[in-house]
């Protein structure tokens, strides 16, 4: 565990303030949830991801989609890849913010270039919970993305959004 050298006092209500520099470096925004763990005598704070809690469902959904569409499917929270049918993508730094352009979701382009210079068409659907953006479902394909694929992927993202809301 890396020491920051920052010391904070616990107030009378048991609260502490996480320094702005730490929140910025971890991309923790106001209003976001933090998960609290205890490990031996340490208190560990971790950025909470609703989508990460449904990782197993995301993996099964991708396996099911992969029976019908054989291209790259990725489910991300707003920072990390949660599940994909191409494990090599876990090691790649995808700039997820590039795909999260607006609250409505659908982004369609051909500008995604993988590290080994493959150029993909892509479509991105937002995954929301009670109107708040929680992640994206990203689809990459070297050819034109068909209407049927778009409908199937939109349904999958809608399913994940509804599942998070329950």
C-alpha atoms as a PDB file:
ATOM      1  CA  UNK A   1       0.000   0.000   0.000  1.00  0.00           C
ATOM      2  CA  UNK A   2       1.414   3.392  -1.012  1.00  0.00           C
ATOM      3  CA  UNK A   3       1.483   6.142   1.606  1.00  0.00           C
ATOM      4  CA  UNK A   4       0.359   9.610   0.525  1.00  0.00           C
ATOM      5  CA  UNK A   5       1.673  11.388   3.601  1.00  0.00           C
ATOM      6  CA  UNK A   6      -1.740  13.031   4.054  1.00  0.00           C
ATOM      7  CA  UNK A   7      -3.374  12.836   7.463  1.00  0.00           C
ATOM      8  CA  UNK A   8      -7.048  13.645   8.067  1.00  0.00           C
ATOM      9  CA  UNK A   9      -9.024  13.916  11.299  1.00  0.00           C
ATOM     10  CA  UNK A  10     -12.327  12.087  11.729  1.00  0.00           C
ATOM     11  CA  UNK A  11     -15.069  14.560  12.661  1.00  0.00           C
ATOM     12  CA  UNK A  12     -17.738  14.082  15.359  1.00  0.00           C
ATOM     13  CA  UNK A  13     -20.021  12.309  12.840  1.00  0.00           C
ATOM     14  CA  UNK A  14     -17.295   9.827  11.822  1.00  0.00           C
ATOM     15  CA  UNK A  15     -16.572  11.485   8.460  1.00  0.00           C
ATOM     16  CA  UNK A  16     -13.264  12.105   6.764  1.00  0.00           C
ATOM     17  CA  UNK A  17     -12.530  14.183   3.671  1.00  0.00           C
ATOM     18  CA  UNK A  18     -10.702  12.493   0.807  1.00  0.00           C
ATOM     19  CA  UNK A  19      -8.194  15.068  -0.469  1.00  0.00           C
ATOM     20  CA  UNK A  20      -8.974  16.649  -3.829  1.00  0.00           C
ATOM     21  CA  UNK A  21      -5.658  15.451  -5.324  1.00  0.00           C
ATOM     22  CA  UNK A  22      -6.499  11.827  -4.533  1.00  0.00           C
ATOM     23  CA  UNK A  23     -10.054  12.158  -5.875  1.00  0.00           C
ATOM     24  CA  UNK A  24      -8.723  13.686  -9.093  1.00  0.00           C
ATOM     25  CA  UNK A  25      -6.034  11.057  -9.607  1.00  0.00           C
ATOM     26  CA  UNK A  26      -8.589   8.256  -9.100  1.00  0.00           C
ATOM     27  CA  UNK A  27     -11.271  10.108 -11.106  1.00  0.00           C
ATOM     28  CA  UNK A  28     -13.739  10.075  -8.215  1.00  0.00           C
ATOM     29  CA  UNK A  29     -16.444  12.669  -8.823  1.00  0.00           C
ATOM     30  CA  UNK A  30     -18.798  14.307  -6.342  1.00  0.00           C
ATOM     31  CA  UNK A  31     -21.850  12.152  -5.692  1.00  0.00           C
ATOM     32  CA  UNK A  32     -20.158   8.872  -6.666  1.00  0.00           C
ATOM     33  CA  UNK A  33     -20.320   5.874  -4.362  1.00  0.00           C
ATOM     34  CA  UNK A  34     -17.292   4.495  -2.535  1.00  0.00           C
ATOM     35  CA  UNK A  35     -17.097   0.901  -1.324  1.00  0.00           C
ATOM     36  CA  UNK A  36     -15.447   0.279   2.058  1.00  0.00           C
ATOM     37  CA  UNK A  37     -13.436  -2.865   2.828  1.00  0.00           C
ATOM     38  CA  UNK A  38     -11.528  -4.020   5.886  1.00  0.00           C
ATOM     39  CA  UNK A  39      -8.287  -5.914   5.320  1.00  0.00           C
ATOM     40  CA  UNK A  40      -6.602  -6.909   8.580  1.00  0.00           C
ATOM     41  CA  UNK A  41      -6.274  -3.549  10.380  1.00  0.00           C
ATOM     42  CA  UNK A  42      -6.634  -1.406   7.242  1.00  0.00           C
ATOM     43  CA  UNK A  43      -9.694   0.407   5.920  1.00  0.00           C
ATOM     44  CA  UNK A  44      -9.716   0.311   2.134  1.00  0.00           C
ATOM     45  CA  UNK A  45     -11.847   2.670   0.059  1.00  0.00           C
ATOM     46  CA  UNK A  46     -12.598   1.667  -3.513  1.00  0.00           C
ATOM     47  CA  UNK A  47     -14.545   3.392  -6.265  1.00  0.00           C
ATOM     48  CA  UNK A  48     -17.860   1.556  -6.491  1.00  0.00           C
ATOM     49  CA  UNK A  49     -19.058   0.246  -9.837  1.00  0.00           C
ATOM     50  CA  UNK A  50     -22.645  -0.990 -10.191  1.00  0.00           C
ATOM     51  CA  UNK A  51     -21.712  -2.746 -13.420  1.00  0.00           C
ATOM     52  CA  UNK A  52     -18.767  -4.534 -11.812  1.00  0.00           C
ATOM     53  CA  UNK A  53     -21.310  -6.186  -9.481  1.00  0.00           C
ATOM     54  CA  UNK A  54     -23.018  -7.781 -12.478  1.00  0.00           C
ATOM     55  CA  UNK A  55     -19.785  -8.937 -14.129  1.00  0.00           C
ATOM     56  CA  UNK A  56     -20.970 -12.563 -14.317  1.00  0.00           C
ATOM     57  CA  UNK A  57     -24.207 -11.509 -16.043  1.00  0.00           C
ATOM     58  CA  UNK A  58     -22.237  -9.323 -18.475  1.00  0.00           C
ATOM     59  CA  UNK A  59     -19.982 -12.278 -19.318  1.00  0.00           C
ATOM     60  CA  UNK A  60     -22.992 -14.558 -19.943  1.00  0.00           C
ATOM     61  CA  UNK A  61     -24.702 -11.890 -22.024  1.00  0.00           C
ATOM     62  CA  UNK A  62     -21.578 -11.498 -24.173  1.00  0.00           C
ATOM     63  CA  UNK A  63     -21.360 -15.293 -24.611  1.00  0.00           C
ATOM     64  CA  UNK A  64     -24.979 -15.330 -25.760  1.00  0.00           C
ATOM     65  CA  UNK A  65     -24.530 -12.372 -28.128  1.00  0.00           C
ATOM     66  CA  UNK A  66     -21.392 -14.004 -29.508  1.00  0.00           C
ATOM     67  CA  UNK A  67     -23.517 -16.899 -30.810  1.00  0.00           C
ATOM     68  CA  UNK A  68     -25.244 -14.461 -33.166  1.00  0.00           C
ATOM     69  CA  UNK A  69     -22.579 -11.860 -33.824  1.00  0.00           C
ATOM     70  CA  UNK A  70     -18.940 -12.949 -33.984  1.00  0.00           C
ATOM     71  CA  UNK A  71     -17.182  -9.639 -33.481  1.00  0.00           C
ATOM     72  CA  UNK A  72     -15.737  -7.837 -30.481  1.00  0.00           C
ATOM     73  CA  UNK A  73     -18.163  -6.994 -27.672  1.00  0.00           C
ATOM     74  CA  UNK A  74     -17.021  -5.052 -24.623  1.00  0.00           C
ATOM     75  CA  UNK A  75     -18.919  -3.982 -21.495  1.00  0.00           C
ATOM     76  CA  UNK A  76     -17.268  -1.171 -19.507  1.00  0.00           C
ATOM     77  CA  UNK A  77     -18.112   0.867 -16.486  1.00  0.00           C
ATOM     78  CA  UNK A  78     -17.073   4.503 -16.849  1.00  0.00           C
ATOM     79  CA  UNK A  79     -13.401   3.635 -16.270  1.00  0.00           C
ATOM     80  CA  UNK A  80     -12.597  -0.032 -16.885  1.00  0.00           C
ATOM     81  CA  UNK A  81     -13.447  -3.005 -19.060  1.00  0.00           C
ATOM     82  CA  UNK A  82     -15.752  -5.329 -17.100  1.00  0.00           C
ATOM     83  CA  UNK A  83     -16.302  -8.104 -19.647  1.00  0.00           C
ATOM     84  CA  UNK A  84     -15.378  -8.883 -23.250  1.00  0.00           C
ATOM     85  CA  UNK A  85     -15.234 -11.766 -25.690  1.00  0.00           C
ATOM     86  CA  UNK A  86     -11.665 -10.718 -26.634  1.00  0.00           C
ATOM     87  CA  UNK A  87      -9.572 -11.106 -23.447  1.00  0.00           C
ATOM     88  CA  UNK A  88      -6.566  -9.340 -24.986  1.00  0.00           C
ATOM     89  CA  UNK A  89      -8.539  -6.092 -24.666  1.00  0.00           C
ATOM     90  CA  UNK A  90      -8.299  -6.276 -20.856  1.00  0.00           C
ATOM     91  CA  UNK A  91      -4.636  -5.323 -21.171  1.00  0.00           C
ATOM     92  CA  UNK A  92      -5.272  -2.451 -23.558  1.00  0.00           C
ATOM     93  CA  UNK A  93      -5.975   1.064 -22.438  1.00  0.00           C
ATOM     94  CA  UNK A  94      -9.257   1.908 -24.138  1.00  0.00           C
ATOM     95  CA  UNK A  95     -10.190   5.538 -23.589  1.00  0.00           C
ATOM     96  CA  UNK A  96     -13.768   4.876 -22.534  1.00  0.00           C
ATOM     97  CA  UNK A  97     -14.546   8.595 -22.290  1.00  0.00           C
ATOM     98  CA  UNK A  98     -14.083   8.735 -26.077  1.00  0.00           C
ATOM     99  CA  UNK A  99     -17.205   6.585 -26.434  1.00  0.00           C
ATOM    100  CA  UNK A 100     -19.291   8.347 -23.804  1.00  0.00           C
ATOM    101  CA  UNK A 101     -20.283  11.451 -25.744  1.00  0.00           C
ATOM    102  CA  UNK A 102     -23.792  12.136 -24.535  1.00  0.00           C
ATOM    103  CA  UNK A 103     -26.551  10.783 -22.312  1.00  0.00           C
ATOM    104  CA  UNK A 104     -28.512   9.400 -25.258  1.00  0.00           C
ATOM    105  CA  UNK A 105     -25.837   6.895 -26.133  1.00  0.00           C
ATOM    106  CA  UNK A 106     -25.565   5.689 -29.668  1.00  0.00           C
ATOM    107  CA  UNK A 107     -22.267   6.603 -31.261  1.00  0.00           C
ATOM    108  CA  UNK A 108     -21.429   5.174 -34.645  1.00  0.00           C
ATOM    109  CA  UNK A 109     -18.080   5.698 -36.301  1.00  0.00           C
ATOM    110  CA  UNK A 110     -15.118   3.984 -37.907  1.00  0.00           C
ATOM    111  CA  UNK A 111     -12.364   5.708 -35.959  1.00  0.00           C
ATOM    112  CA  UNK A 112     -11.425   2.993 -33.483  1.00  0.00           C
ATOM    113  CA  UNK A 113      -7.895   1.720 -34.077  1.00  0.00           C
ATOM    114  CA  UNK A 114      -6.532  -1.136 -32.006  1.00  0.00           C
ATOM    115  CA  UNK A 115      -2.844  -1.188 -31.025  1.00  0.00           C
ATOM    116  CA  UNK A 116      -1.996  -3.609 -33.840  1.00  0.00           C
ATOM    117  CA  UNK A 117      -3.477  -1.116 -36.345  1.00  0.00           C
ATOM    118  CA  UNK A 118      -6.786  -2.888 -36.963  1.00  0.00           C
ATOM    119  CA  UNK A 119      -9.423  -0.315 -37.896  1.00  0.00           C
ATOM    120  CA  UNK A 120     -12.942  -1.029 -36.680  1.00  0.00           C
ATOM    121  CA  UNK A 121     -16.368   0.397 -37.174  1.00  0.00           C
ATOM    122  CA  UNK A 122     -17.931   0.690 -33.778  1.00  0.00           C
ATOM    123  CA  UNK A 123     -21.195   1.396 -32.067  1.00  0.00           C
ATOM    124  CA  UNK A 124     -21.601   2.287 -28.427  1.00  0.00           C
ATOM    125  CA  UNK A 125     -24.726   2.110 -26.284  1.00  0.00           C
ATOM    126  CA  UNK A 126     -24.935   3.718 -22.853  1.00  0.00           C
ATOM    127  CA  UNK A 127     -25.803   1.626 -19.828  1.00  0.00           C
ATOM    128  CA  UNK A 128     -27.733   3.744 -17.339  1.00  0.00           C
ATOM    129  CA  UNK A 129     -29.270   3.350 -13.916  1.00  0.00           C
ATOM    130  CA  UNK A 130     -32.123   5.693 -13.015  1.00  0.00           C
ATOM    131  CA  UNK A 131     -30.943   8.112 -15.691  1.00  0.00           C
ATOM    132  CA  UNK A 132     -27.296   8.145 -14.569  1.00  0.00           C
ATOM    133  CA  UNK A 133     -24.597   6.852 -16.899  1.00  0.00           C
ATOM    134  CA  UNK A 134     -22.968   3.730 -15.442  1.00  0.00           C
ATOM    135  CA  UNK A 135     -21.119   2.326 -18.457  1.00  0.00           C
ATOM    136  CA  UNK A 136     -21.249   1.363 -22.107  1.00  0.00           C
ATOM    137  CA  UNK A 137     -21.717  -1.628 -24.344  1.00  0.00           C
ATOM    138  CA  UNK A 138     -19.201  -1.301 -27.164  1.00  0.00           C
ATOM    139  CA  UNK A 139     -19.224  -3.300 -30.403  1.00  0.00           C
ATOM    140  CA  UNK A 140     -16.264  -3.391 -32.798  1.00  0.00           C
ATOM    141  CA  UNK A 141     -16.401  -4.793 -36.315  1.00  0.00           C
ATOM    142  CA  UNK A 142     -14.113  -4.523 -39.336  1.00  0.00           C
ATOM    143  CA  UNK A 143     -17.108  -4.479 -41.732  1.00  0.00           C
ATOM    144  CA  UNK A 144     -20.252  -2.339 -41.815  1.00  0.00           C
ATOM    145  CA  UNK A 145     -22.438  -2.843 -38.739  1.00  0.00           C
ATOM    146  CA  UNK A 146     -25.818  -4.216 -39.792  1.00  0.00           C
ATOM    147  CA  UNK A 147     -29.181  -2.974 -38.545  1.00  0.00           C
ATOM    148  CA  UNK A 148     -29.905  -6.370 -36.965  1.00  0.00           C
ATOM    149  CA  UNK A 149     -26.672  -6.163 -34.959  1.00  0.00           C
ATOM    150  CA  UNK A 150     -27.557  -2.659 -33.788  1.00  0.00           C
ATOM    151  CA  UNK A 151     -30.998  -3.806 -32.620  1.00  0.00           C
ATOM    152  CA  UNK A 152     -29.541  -6.800 -30.790  1.00  0.00           C
ATOM    153  CA  UNK A 153     -26.880  -4.685 -29.063  1.00  0.00           C
ATOM    154  CA  UNK A 154     -29.377  -1.967 -28.156  1.00  0.00           C
ATOM    155  CA  UNK A 155     -31.547  -4.650 -26.556  1.00  0.00           C
ATOM    156  CA  UNK A 156     -28.543  -5.965 -24.614  1.00  0.00           C
ATOM    157  CA  UNK A 157     -27.640  -2.494 -23.291  1.00  0.00           C
ATOM    158  CA  UNK A 158     -31.282  -1.868 -22.385  1.00  0.00           C
ATOM    159  CA  UNK A 159     -31.360  -5.221 -20.547  1.00  0.00           C
ATOM    160  CA  UNK A 160     -28.266  -4.291 -18.524  1.00  0.00           C
ATOM    161  CA  UNK A 161     -29.750  -0.891 -17.688  1.00  0.00           C
ATOM    162  CA  UNK A 162     -33.023  -2.451 -16.519  1.00  0.00           C
ATOM    163  CA  UNK A 163     -31.153  -5.104 -14.538  1.00  0.00           C
ATOM    164  CA  UNK A 164     -29.154  -2.433 -12.690  1.00  0.00           C
ATOM    165  CA  UNK A 165     -32.345  -0.561 -11.799  1.00  0.00           C
ATOM    166  CA  UNK A 166     -33.903  -3.582 -10.072  1.00  0.00           C
END
